[in-house]
C-alpha cells in the first residue's frame, strides 16, 4: 500500500506538488481561524454565599448560619477550600474548587 502511494507520488510529481500546496494553504487558513486566548483564565471556580440576619451577634451568625452553609458546601465536587467570615448581621461563606468554570457564552 505504501509502495503504491510512493510510486504514484514519484510518477505524478505535478499532482503531488498541487496536493502539497493545497494542504499547506488549508493549514494556513485553519491556523488563522484558530481562536487563541492570550491570557487564559487561571482563576479557580469560586462560589460566595452572602446571608444577612440583622440583630444577631457574630457568634450566633456563625453557629446558626455560616456553619450549616459550610457543611452543605462540602458536597461540591473537587472542593479545595471552604472559609467563612461572620460579622454583626452578615455571613460570607466562600468555597473554592478545582472544577473548570461553566461557560456561559453561546459559542462554547
PDB file of N, CA and C in Angstrom:
ATOM      1  N   UNK A   1       0.832  -1.195   0.000  1.00  0.00           N
ATOM      2  CA  UNK A   1       0.000   0.000   0.000  1.00  0.00           C
ATOM      3  C   UNK A   1       0.876   1.257   0.000  1.00  0.00           C
ATOM      4  N   UNK A   2       1.869   1.288   0.912  1.00  0.00           N
ATOM      5  CA  UNK A   2       2.755   2.444   0.981  1.00  0.00           C
ATOM      6  C   UNK A   2       3.578   2.550  -0.302  1.00  0.00           C
ATOM      7  N   UNK A   3       4.030   1.397  -0.802  1.00  0.00           N
ATOM      8  CA  UNK A   3       4.813   1.408  -2.042  1.00  0.00           C
ATOM      9  C   UNK A   3       4.008   1.985  -3.200  1.00  0.00           C
ATOM     10  N   UNK A   4       2.709   1.685  -3.245  1.00  0.00           N
ATOM     11  CA  UNK A   4       1.857   2.204  -4.320  1.00  0.00           C
ATOM     12  C   UNK A   4       1.722   3.723  -4.219  1.00  0.00           C
ATOM     13  N   UNK A   5       1.577   4.225  -2.997  1.00  0.00           N
ATOM     14  CA  UNK A   5       1.451   5.680  -2.809  1.00  0.00           C
ATOM     15  C   UNK A   5       2.751   6.378  -3.188  1.00  0.00           C
ATOM     16  N   UNK A   6       3.889   5.801  -2.776  1.00  0.00           N
ATOM     17  CA  UNK A   6       5.185   6.398  -3.102  1.00  0.00           C
ATOM     18  C   UNK A   6       5.421   6.367  -4.615  1.00  0.00           C
ATOM     19  N   UNK A   7       5.100   5.243  -5.246  1.00  0.00           N
ATOM     20  CA  UNK A   7       5.263   5.153  -6.709  1.00  0.00           C
ATOM     21  C   UNK A   7       4.370   6.159  -7.430  1.00  0.00           C
ATOM     22  N   UNK A   8       3.133   6.323  -6.985  1.00  0.00           N
ATOM     23  CA  UNK A   8       2.229   7.292  -7.609  1.00  0.00           C
ATOM     24  C   UNK A   8       2.769   8.714  -7.442  1.00  0.00           C
ATOM     25  N   UNK A   9       3.284   9.020  -6.216  1.00  0.00           N
ATOM     26  CA  UNK A   9       3.823  10.355  -5.960  1.00  0.00           C
ATOM     27  C   UNK A   9       5.044  10.633  -6.821  1.00  0.00           C
ATOM     28  N   UNK A  10       5.891   9.628  -7.014  1.00  0.00           N
ATOM     29  CA  UNK A  10       7.080   9.823  -7.840  1.00  0.00           C
ATOM     30  C   UNK A  10       6.738   9.909  -9.330  1.00  0.00           C
ATOM     31  N   UNK A  11       5.743   9.170  -9.766  1.00  0.00           N
ATOM     32  CA  UNK A  11       5.351   9.186 -11.177  1.00  0.00           C
ATOM     33  C   UNK A  11       4.532  10.420 -11.543  1.00  0.00           C
ATOM     34  N   UNK A  12       3.825  11.009 -10.592  1.00  0.00           N
ATOM     35  CA  UNK A  12       2.970  12.176 -10.839  1.00  0.00           C
ATOM     36  C   UNK A  12       3.422  13.325  -9.943  1.00  0.00           C
ATOM     37  N   UNK A  13       4.564  13.863 -10.253  1.00  0.00           N
ATOM     38  CA  UNK A  13       5.153  14.897  -9.397  1.00  0.00           C
ATOM     39  C   UNK A  13       4.330  16.177  -9.378  1.00  0.00           C
ATOM     40  N   UNK A  14       3.754  16.532 -10.471  1.00  0.00           N
ATOM     41  CA  UNK A  14       2.932  17.750 -10.519  1.00  0.00           C
ATOM     42  C   UNK A  14       1.702  17.594  -9.617  1.00  0.00           C
ATOM     43  N   UNK A  15       1.056  16.435  -9.692  1.00  0.00           N
ATOM     44  CA  UNK A  15      -0.128  16.193  -8.859  1.00  0.00           C
ATOM     45  C   UNK A  15       0.254  16.185  -7.367  1.00  0.00           C
ATOM     46  N   UNK A  16       1.420  15.629  -7.058  1.00  0.00           N
ATOM     47  CA  UNK A  16       1.903  15.617  -5.674  1.00  0.00           C
ATOM     48  C   UNK A  16       2.188  17.027  -5.194  1.00  0.00           C
ATOM     49  N   UNK A  17       2.783  17.846  -6.041  1.00  0.00           N
ATOM     50  CA  UNK A  17       3.070  19.227  -5.686  1.00  0.00           C
ATOM     51  C   UNK A  17       1.782  20.020  -5.465  1.00  0.00           C
ATOM     52  N   UNK A  18       0.788  19.830  -6.318  1.00  0.00           N
ATOM     53  CA  UNK A  18      -0.509  20.515  -6.165  1.00  0.00           C
ATOM     54  C   UNK A  18      -1.176  20.085  -4.856  1.00  0.00           C
ATOM     55  N   UNK A  19      -1.123  18.785  -4.562  1.00  0.00           N
ATOM     56  CA  UNK A  19      -1.727  18.291  -3.324  1.00  0.00           C
ATOM     57  C   UNK A  19      -1.013  18.878  -2.097  1.00  0.00           C
ATOM     58  N   UNK A  20       0.318  18.944  -2.122  1.00  0.00           N
ATOM     59  CA  UNK A  20       1.079  19.500  -1.004  1.00  0.00           C
ATOM     60  C   UNK A  20       0.759  20.975  -0.808  1.00  0.00           C
ATOM     61  N   UNK A  21       0.662  21.725  -1.903  1.00  0.00           N
ATOM     62  CA  UNK A  21       0.317  23.148  -1.796  1.00  0.00           C
ATOM     63  C   UNK A  21      -1.092  23.326  -1.247  1.00  0.00           C
ATOM     64  N   UNK A  22      -2.023  22.472  -1.674  1.00  0.00           N
ATOM     65  CA  UNK A  22      -3.394  22.552  -1.162  1.00  0.00           C
ATOM     66  C   UNK A  22      -3.439  22.284   0.344  1.00  0.00           C
ATOM     67  N   UNK A  23      -2.666  21.316   0.795  1.00  0.00           N
ATOM     68  CA  UNK A  23      -2.626  21.013   2.223  1.00  0.00           C
ATOM     69  C   UNK A  23      -2.017  22.184   3.001  1.00  0.00           C
ATOM     70  N   UNK A  24      -0.972  22.797   2.458  1.00  0.00           N
ATOM     71  CA  UNK A  24      -0.344  23.940   3.121  1.00  0.00           C
ATOM     72  C   UNK A  24      -1.305  25.120   3.194  1.00  0.00           C
ATOM     73  N   UNK A  25      -2.008  25.408   2.106  1.00  0.00           N
ATOM     74  CA  UNK A  25      -2.976  26.520   2.090  1.00  0.00           C
ATOM     75  C   UNK A  25      -4.103  26.258   3.078  1.00  0.00           C
ATOM     76  N   UNK A  26      -4.604  25.025   3.111  1.00  0.00           N
ATOM     77  CA  UNK A  26      -5.661  24.688   4.069  1.00  0.00           C
ATOM     78  C   UNK A  26      -5.154  24.845   5.505  1.00  0.00           C
ATOM     79  N   UNK A  27      -3.912  24.466   5.752  1.00  0.00           N
ATOM     80  CA  UNK A  27      -3.335  24.613   7.086  1.00  0.00           C
ATOM     81  C   UNK A  27      -3.191  26.073   7.490  1.00  0.00           C
ATOM     82  N   UNK A  28      -2.785  26.923   6.542  1.00  0.00           N
ATOM     83  CA  UNK A  28      -2.648  28.355   6.838  1.00  0.00           C
ATOM     84  C   UNK A  28      -4.009  28.968   7.154  1.00  0.00           C
ATOM     85  N   UNK A  29      -5.033  28.636   6.361  1.00  0.00           N
ATOM     86  CA  UNK A  29      -6.377  29.167   6.637  1.00  0.00           C
ATOM     87  C   UNK A  29      -6.898  28.667   7.981  1.00  0.00           C
ATOM     88  N   UNK A  30      -6.666  27.401   8.281  1.00  0.00           N
ATOM     89  CA  UNK A  30      -7.127  26.853   9.565  1.00  0.00           C
ATOM     90  C   UNK A  30      -6.404  27.518  10.725  1.00  0.00           C
ATOM     91  N   UNK A  31      -5.118  27.767  10.561  1.00  0.00           N
ATOM     92  CA  UNK A  31      -4.337  28.400  11.621  1.00  0.00           C
ATOM     93  C   UNK A  31      -4.809  29.824  11.881  1.00  0.00           C
ATOM     94  N   UNK A  32      -5.182  30.532  10.829  1.00  0.00           N
ATOM     95  CA  UNK A  32      -5.649  31.912  11.006  1.00  0.00           C
ATOM     96  C   UNK A  32      -6.996  31.984  11.697  1.00  0.00           C
ATOM     97  N   UNK A  33      -7.830  30.967  11.530  1.00  0.00           N
ATOM     98  CA  UNK A  33      -9.152  30.955  12.167  1.00  0.00           C
ATOM     99  C   UNK A  33      -9.124  30.346  13.563  1.00  0.00           C
ATOM    100  N   UNK A  34      -7.968  29.830  13.997  1.00  0.00           N
ATOM    101  CA  UNK A  34      -7.847  29.196  15.292  1.00  0.00           C
ATOM    102  C   UNK A  34      -7.958  30.241  16.401  1.00  0.00           C
ATOM    103  N   UNK A  35      -8.919  30.071  17.328  1.00  0.00           N
ATOM    104  CA  UNK A  35      -9.036  31.052  18.415  1.00  0.00           C
ATOM    105  C   UNK A  35      -7.896  30.880  19.410  1.00  0.00           C
ATOM    106  N   UNK A  36      -7.245  31.978  19.732  1.00  0.00           N
ATOM    107  CA  UNK A  36      -6.134  31.954  20.668  1.00  0.00           C
ATOM    108  C   UNK A  36      -6.471  32.880  21.831  1.00  0.00           C
ATOM    109  N   UNK A  37      -6.370  32.342  23.019  1.00  0.00           N
ATOM    110  CA  UNK A  37      -6.611  33.128  24.213  1.00  0.00           C
ATOM    111  C   UNK A  37      -5.257  33.543  24.771  1.00  0.00           C
ATOM    112  N   UNK A  38      -4.929  34.816  24.636  1.00  0.00           N
ATOM    113  CA  UNK A  38      -3.613  35.296  25.061  1.00  0.00           C
ATOM    114  C   UNK A  38      -3.440  35.199  26.572  1.00  0.00           C
ATOM    115  N   UNK A  39      -4.503  35.394  27.311  1.00  0.00           N
ATOM    116  CA  UNK A  39      -4.455  35.318  28.759  1.00  0.00           C
ATOM    117  C   UNK A  39      -5.526  34.334  29.231  1.00  0.00           C
ATOM    118  N   UNK A  40      -5.201  33.057  29.342  1.00  0.00           N
ATOM    119  CA  UNK A  40      -6.214  32.088  29.756  1.00  0.00           C
ATOM    120  C   UNK A  40      -6.684  32.342  31.179  1.00  0.00           C
ATOM    121  N   UNK A  41      -7.914  31.966  31.450  1.00  0.00           N
ATOM    122  CA  UNK A  41      -8.490  32.161  32.774  1.00  0.00           C
ATOM    123  C   UNK A  41      -7.928  31.111  33.721  1.00  0.00           C
ATOM    124  N   UNK A  42      -7.060  31.537  34.620  1.00  0.00           N
ATOM    125  CA  UNK A  42      -6.417  30.613  35.556  1.00  0.00           C
ATOM    126  C   UNK A  42      -7.013  30.706  36.952  1.00  0.00           C
ATOM    127  N   UNK A  43      -8.080  31.457  37.101  1.00  0.00           N
ATOM    128  CA  UNK A  43      -8.681  31.604  38.430  1.00  0.00           C
ATOM    129  C   UNK A  43      -9.505  30.368  38.764  1.00  0.00           C
ATOM    130  N   UNK A  44      -9.479  29.942  39.998  1.00  0.00           N
ATOM    131  CA  UNK A  44     -10.276  28.779  40.379  1.00  0.00           C
ATOM    132  C   UNK A  44     -11.761  29.132  40.440  1.00  0.00           C
ATOM    133  N   UNK A  45     -12.584  28.112  40.362  1.00  0.00           N
ATOM    134  CA  UNK A  45     -14.027  28.311  40.469  1.00  0.00           C
ATOM    135  C   UNK A  45     -14.359  28.631  41.926  1.00  0.00           C
ATOM    136  N   UNK A  46     -14.984  29.782  42.135  1.00  0.00           N
ATOM    137  CA  UNK A  46     -15.274  30.247  43.485  1.00  0.00           C
ATOM    138  C   UNK A  46     -16.755  30.587  43.598  1.00  0.00           C
ATOM    139  N   UNK A  47     -17.359  30.119  44.682  1.00  0.00           N
ATOM    140  CA  UNK A  47     -18.760  30.420  44.970  1.00  0.00           C
ATOM    141  C   UNK A  47     -18.807  31.123  46.318  1.00  0.00           C
ATOM    142  N   UNK A  48     -19.476  32.277  46.350  1.00  0.00           N
ATOM    143  CA  UNK A  48     -19.636  33.004  47.604  1.00  0.00           C
ATOM    144  C   UNK A  48     -21.121  33.104  47.935  1.00  0.00           C
ATOM    145  N   UNK A  49     -21.436  32.827  49.185  1.00  0.00           N
ATOM    146  CA  UNK A  49     -22.814  32.928  49.670  1.00  0.00           C
ATOM    147  C   UNK A  49     -22.843  33.992  50.755  1.00  0.00           C
ATOM    148  N   UNK A  50     -23.616  35.033  50.512  1.00  0.00           N
ATOM    149  CA  UNK A  50     -23.795  36.099  51.497  1.00  0.00           C
ATOM    150  C   UNK A  50     -25.190  35.960  52.101  1.00  0.00           C
ATOM    151  N   UNK A  51     -25.261  36.003  53.426  1.00  0.00           N
ATOM    152  CA  UNK A  51     -26.564  35.974  54.106  1.00  0.00           C
ATOM    153  C   UNK A  51     -26.590  37.077  55.150  1.00  0.00           C
ATOM    154  N   UNK A  52     -27.754  37.646  55.337  1.00  0.00           N
ATOM    155  CA  UNK A  52     -27.907  38.684  56.359  1.00  0.00           C
ATOM    156  C   UNK A  52     -28.954  38.253  57.371  1.00  0.00           C
ATOM    157  N   UNK A  53     -28.714  38.631  58.579  1.00  0.00           N
ATOM    158  CA  UNK A  53     -29.669  38.406  59.658  1.00  0.00           C
ATOM    159  C   UNK A  53     -29.459  39.521  60.675  1.00  0.00           C
ATOM    160  N   UNK A  54     -30.161  40.635  60.484  1.00  0.00           N
ATOM    161  CA  UNK A  54     -29.946  41.800  61.351  1.00  0.00           C
ATOM    162  C   UNK A  54     -30.196  41.466  62.824  1.00  0.00           C
ATOM    163  N   UNK A  55     -29.329  41.983  63.665  1.00  0.00           N
ATOM    164  CA  UNK A  55     -29.519  41.846  65.102  1.00  0.00           C
ATOM    165  C   UNK A  55     -28.795  40.676  65.732  1.00  0.00           C
ATOM    166  N   UNK A  56     -28.223  39.773  64.946  1.00  0.00           N
ATOM    167  CA  UNK A  56     -27.515  38.634  65.526  1.00  0.00           C
ATOM    168  C   UNK A  56     -26.035  38.961  65.705  1.00  0.00           C
ATOM    169  N   UNK A  57     -25.469  38.440  66.775  1.00  0.00           N
ATOM    170  CA  UNK A  57     -24.046  38.645  67.042  1.00  0.00           C
ATOM    171  C   UNK A  57     -23.219  37.751  66.115  1.00  0.00           C
ATOM    172  N   UNK A  58     -21.928  38.026  65.983  1.00  0.00           N
ATOM    173  CA  UNK A  58     -21.085  37.188  65.126  1.00  0.00           C
ATOM    174  C   UNK A  58     -21.070  35.713  65.535  1.00  0.00           C
ATOM    175  N   UNK A  59     -21.138  35.429  66.846  1.00  0.00           N
ATOM    176  CA  UNK A  59     -21.161  34.035  67.300  1.00  0.00           C
ATOM    177  C   UNK A  59     -22.450  33.354  66.853  1.00  0.00           C
ATOM    178  N   UNK A  60     -23.587  34.057  67.001  1.00  0.00           N
ATOM    179  CA  UNK A  60     -24.866  33.497  66.559  1.00  0.00           C
ATOM    180  C   UNK A  60     -24.898  33.324  65.042  1.00  0.00           C
ATOM    181  N   UNK A  61     -24.362  34.287  64.313  1.00  0.00           N
ATOM    182  CA  UNK A  61     -24.307  34.186  62.846  1.00  0.00           C
ATOM    183  C   UNK A  61     -23.503  32.954  62.447  1.00  0.00           C
ATOM    184  N   UNK A  62     -22.380  32.744  63.134  1.00  0.00           N
ATOM    185  CA  UNK A  62     -21.536  31.607  62.771  1.00  0.00           C
ATOM    186  C   UNK A  62     -22.210  30.277  63.074  1.00  0.00           C
ATOM    187  N   UNK A  63     -22.818  30.160  64.263  1.00  0.00           N
ATOM    188  CA  UNK A  63     -23.413  28.873  64.639  1.00  0.00           C
ATOM    189  C   UNK A  63     -24.730  28.600  63.923  1.00  0.00           C
ATOM    190  N   UNK A  64     -25.531  29.626  63.686  1.00  0.00           N
ATOM    191  CA  UNK A  64     -26.850  29.416  63.099  1.00  0.00           C
ATOM    192  C   UNK A  64     -26.866  29.490  61.566  1.00  0.00           C
ATOM    193  N   UNK A  65     -25.925  30.220  60.968  1.00  0.00           N
ATOM    194  CA  UNK A  65     -25.965  30.437  59.521  1.00  0.00           C
ATOM    195  C   UNK A  65     -24.701  29.925  58.825  1.00  0.00           C
ATOM    196  N   UNK A  66     -23.537  30.442  59.218  1.00  0.00           N
ATOM    197  CA  UNK A  66     -22.304  30.123  58.499  1.00  0.00           C
ATOM    198  C   UNK A  66     -21.963  28.637  58.546  1.00  0.00           C
ATOM    199  N   UNK A  67     -22.015  28.030  59.722  1.00  0.00           N
ATOM    200  CA  UNK A  67     -21.647  26.628  59.847  1.00  0.00           C
ATOM    201  C   UNK A  67     -22.554  25.702  59.029  1.00  0.00           C
ATOM    202  N   UNK A  68     -23.891  25.849  59.079  1.00  0.00           N
ATOM    203  CA  UNK A  68     -24.728  24.984  58.240  1.00  0.00           C
ATOM    204  C   UNK A  68     -24.497  25.187  56.732  1.00  0.00           C
ATOM    205  N   UNK A  69     -24.215  26.420  56.319  1.00  0.00           N
ATOM    206  CA  UNK A  69     -23.924  26.662  54.901  1.00  0.00           C
ATOM    207  C   UNK A  69     -22.600  26.004  54.524  1.00  0.00           C
ATOM    208  N   UNK A  70     -21.592  26.094  55.398  1.00  0.00           N
ATOM    209  CA  UNK A  70     -20.312  25.429  55.142  1.00  0.00           C
ATOM    210  C   UNK A  70     -20.501  23.924  54.989  1.00  0.00           C
ATOM    211  N   UNK A  71     -21.246  23.329  55.877  1.00  0.00           N
ATOM    212  CA  UNK A  71     -21.480  21.883  55.837  1.00  0.00           C
ATOM    213  C   UNK A  71     -22.161  21.487  54.525  1.00  0.00           C
ATOM    214  N   UNK A  72     -23.117  22.284  54.074  1.00  0.00           N
ATOM    215  CA  UNK A  72     -23.803  21.951  52.823  1.00  0.00           C
ATOM    216  C   UNK A  72     -22.890  22.116  51.608  1.00  0.00           C
ATOM    217  N   UNK A  73     -21.881  22.980  51.699  1.00  0.00           N
ATOM    218  CA  UNK A  73     -20.960  23.176  50.582  1.00  0.00           C
ATOM    219  C   UNK A  73     -19.925  22.062  50.469  1.00  0.00           C
ATOM    220  N   UNK A  74     -19.771  21.253  51.497  1.00  0.00           N
ATOM    221  CA  UNK A  74     -18.796  20.163  51.429  1.00  0.00           C
ATOM    222  C   UNK A  74     -19.188  19.100  50.400  1.00  0.00           C
ATOM    223  N   UNK A  75     -20.371  19.171  49.849  1.00  0.00           N
ATOM    224  CA  UNK A  75     -20.791  18.229  48.814  1.00  0.00           C
ATOM    225  C   UNK A  75     -20.368  18.630  47.413  1.00  0.00           C
ATOM    226  N   UNK A  76     -19.740  19.780  47.261  1.00  0.00           N
ATOM    227  CA  UNK A  76     -19.302  20.248  45.944  1.00  0.00           C
ATOM    228  C   UNK A  76     -18.141  19.371  45.477  1.00  0.00           C
ATOM    229  N   UNK A  77     -18.183  18.867  44.223  1.00  0.00           N
ATOM    230  CA  UNK A  77     -17.083  18.022  43.741  1.00  0.00           C
ATOM    231  C   UNK A  77     -15.773  18.794  43.627  1.00  0.00           C
ATOM    232  N   UNK A  78     -14.678  18.108  43.859  1.00  0.00           N
ATOM    233  CA  UNK A  78     -13.323  18.647  43.738  1.00  0.00           C
ATOM    234  C   UNK A  78     -13.118  19.905  44.586  1.00  0.00           C
ATOM    235  N   UNK A  79     -13.701  19.904  45.762  1.00  0.00           N
ATOM    236  CA  UNK A  79     -13.620  21.054  46.668  1.00  0.00           C
ATOM    237  C   UNK A  79     -12.209  21.188  47.217  1.00  0.00           C
ATOM    238  N   UNK A  80     -11.672  22.389  47.154  1.00  0.00           N
ATOM    239  CA  UNK A  80     -10.337  22.665  47.686  1.00  0.00           C
ATOM    240  C   UNK A  80     -10.407  23.276  49.079  1.00  0.00           C
ATOM    241  N   UNK A  81     -11.244  24.306  49.224  1.00  0.00           N
ATOM    242  CA  UNK A  81     -11.245  25.059  50.474  1.00  0.00           C
ATOM    243  C   UNK A  81     -12.613  25.685  50.706  1.00  0.00           C
ATOM    244  N   UNK A  82     -13.028  25.719  51.960  1.00  0.00           N
ATOM    245  CA  UNK A  82     -14.234  26.439  52.378  1.00  0.00           C
ATOM    246  C   UNK A  82     -13.820  27.346  53.531  1.00  0.00           C
ATOM    247  N   UNK A  83     -14.181  28.612  53.424  1.00  0.00           N
ATOM    248  CA  UNK A  83     -13.874  29.541  54.510  1.00  0.00           C
ATOM    249  C   UNK A  83     -15.055  30.470  54.699  1.00  0.00           C
ATOM    250  N   UNK A  84     -15.193  30.963  55.907  1.00  0.00           N
ATOM    251  CA  UNK A  84     -16.322  31.842  56.192  1.00  0.00           C
ATOM    252  C   UNK A  84     -15.880  33.008  57.058  1.00  0.00           C
ATOM    253  N   UNK A  85     -16.664  34.071  56.955  1.00  0.00           N
ATOM    254  CA  UNK A  85     -16.471  35.264  57.765  1.00  0.00           C
ATOM    255  C   UNK A  85     -17.826  35.654  58.331  1.00  0.00           C
ATOM    256  N   UNK A  86     -17.874  35.867  59.629  1.00  0.00           N
ATOM    257  CA  UNK A  86     -19.121  36.257  60.281  1.00  0.00           C
ATOM    258  C   UNK A  86     -18.901  37.560  61.033  1.00  0.00           C
ATOM    259  N   UNK A  87     -19.751  38.547  60.741  1.00  0.00           N
ATOM    260  CA  UNK A  87     -19.724  39.813  61.472  1.00  0.00           C
ATOM    261  C   UNK A  87     -21.161  40.106  61.912  1.00  0.00           C
ATOM    262  N   UNK A  88     -21.369  41.232  62.547  1.00  0.00           N
ATOM    263  CA  UNK A  88     -22.708  41.569  63.040  1.00  0.00           C
ATOM    264  C   UNK A  88     -23.714  41.596  61.891  1.00  0.00           C
ATOM    265  N   UNK A  89     -24.639  40.653  61.900  1.00  0.00           N
ATOM    266  CA  UNK A  89     -25.731  40.629  60.935  1.00  0.00           C
ATOM    267  C   UNK A  89     -25.372  40.152  59.536  1.00  0.00           C
ATOM    268  N   UNK A  90     -24.112  39.717  59.286  1.00  0.00           N
ATOM    269  CA  UNK A  90     -23.712  39.326  57.930  1.00  0.00           C
ATOM    270  C   UNK A  90     -22.805  38.103  57.985  1.00  0.00           C
ATOM    271  N   UNK A  91     -23.040  37.179  57.060  1.00  0.00           N
ATOM    272  CA  UNK A  91     -22.213  35.987  56.938  1.00  0.00           C
ATOM    273  C   UNK A  91     -21.768  35.855  55.489  1.00  0.00           C
ATOM    274  N   UNK A  92     -20.483  35.529  55.306  1.00  0.00           N
ATOM    275  CA  UNK A  92     -19.963  35.262  53.959  1.00  0.00           C
ATOM    276  C   UNK A  92     -19.265  33.915  53.993  1.00  0.00           C
ATOM    277  N   UNK A  93     -19.712  32.992  53.142  1.00  0.00           N
ATOM    278  CA  UNK A  93     -19.096  31.670  53.040  1.00  0.00           C
ATOM    279  C   UNK A  93     -18.561  31.539  51.622  1.00  0.00           C
ATOM    280  N   UNK A  94     -17.270  31.205  51.502  1.00  0.00           N
ATOM    281  CA  UNK A  94     -16.614  31.088  50.201  1.00  0.00           C
ATOM    282  C   UNK A  94     -16.116  29.665  50.027  1.00  0.00           C
ATOM    283  N   UNK A  95     -16.420  29.070  48.870  1.00  0.00           N
ATOM    284  CA  UNK A  95     -15.875  27.749  48.555  1.00  0.00           C
ATOM    285  C   UNK A  95     -15.089  27.850  47.254  1.00  0.00           C
ATOM    286  N   UNK A  96     -13.920  27.220  47.235  1.00  0.00           N
ATOM    287  CA  UNK A  96     -13.047  27.222  46.065  1.00  0.00           C
ATOM    288  C   UNK A  96     -12.852  25.777  45.647  1.00  0.00           C
ATOM    289  N   UNK A  97     -13.074  25.493  44.356  1.00  0.00           N
ATOM    290  CA  UNK A  97     -12.926  24.129  43.857  1.00  0.00           C
ATOM    291  C   UNK A  97     -12.024  24.104  42.635  1.00  0.00           C
ATOM    292  N   UNK A  98     -11.541  22.923  42.289  1.00  0.00           N
ATOM    293  CA  UNK A  98     -10.671  22.729  41.135  1.00  0.00           C
ATOM    294  C   UNK A  98     -11.465  22.524  39.846  1.00  0.00           C
ATOM    295  N   UNK A  99     -12.773  22.491  39.939  1.00  0.00           N
ATOM    296  CA  UNK A  99     -13.631  22.230  38.800  1.00  0.00           C
ATOM    297  C   UNK A  99     -13.501  23.355  37.777  1.00  0.00           C
ATOM    298  N   UNK A 100     -13.541  23.006  36.510  1.00  0.00           N
ATOM    299  CA  UNK A 100     -13.473  24.001  35.442  1.00  0.00           C
ATOM    300  C   UNK A 100     -14.721  24.865  35.479  1.00  0.00           C
ATOM    301  N   UNK A 101     -14.575  26.153  35.209  1.00  0.00           N
ATOM    302  CA  UNK A 101     -15.752  27.031  35.224  1.00  0.00           C
ATOM    303  C   UNK A 101     -16.732  26.687  34.116  1.00  0.00           C
ATOM    304  N   UNK A 102     -17.989  26.912  34.371  1.00  0.00           N
ATOM    305  CA  UNK A 102     -19.038  26.653  33.394  1.00  0.00           C
ATOM    306  C   UNK A 102     -19.105  27.841  32.450  1.00  0.00           C
ATOM    307  N   UNK A 103     -19.017  27.560  31.164  1.00  0.00           N
ATOM    308  CA  UNK A 103     -19.046  28.627  30.171  1.00  0.00           C
ATOM    309  C   UNK A 103     -20.477  29.102  29.948  1.00  0.00           C
ATOM    310  N   UNK A 104     -20.668  30.401  29.940  1.00  0.00           N
ATOM    311  CA  UNK A 104     -21.989  30.953  29.713  1.00  0.00           C
ATOM    312  C   UNK A 104     -22.113  31.603  28.349  1.00  0.00           C
ATOM    313  N   UNK A 105     -21.025  31.583  27.568  1.00  0.00           N
ATOM    314  CA  UNK A 105     -21.099  32.213  26.257  1.00  0.00           C
ATOM    315  C   UNK A 105     -21.776  31.254  25.283  1.00  0.00           C
ATOM    316  N   UNK A 106     -22.609  31.766  24.371  1.00  0.00           N
ATOM    317  CA  UNK A 106     -23.380  30.901  23.483  1.00  0.00           C
ATOM    318  C   UNK A 106     -22.520  30.131  22.481  1.00  0.00           C
ATOM    319  N   UNK A 107     -21.300  30.570  22.201  1.00  0.00           N
ATOM    320  CA  UNK A 107     -20.479  29.901  21.215  1.00  0.00           C
ATOM    321  C   UNK A 107     -19.740  28.687  21.749  1.00  0.00           C
ATOM    322  N   UNK A 108     -19.726  28.475  23.068  1.00  0.00           N
ATOM    323  CA  UNK A 108     -18.959  27.376  23.642  1.00  0.00           C
ATOM    324  C   UNK A 108     -19.795  26.139  23.836  1.00  0.00           C
TER     325      UNK A 108
END
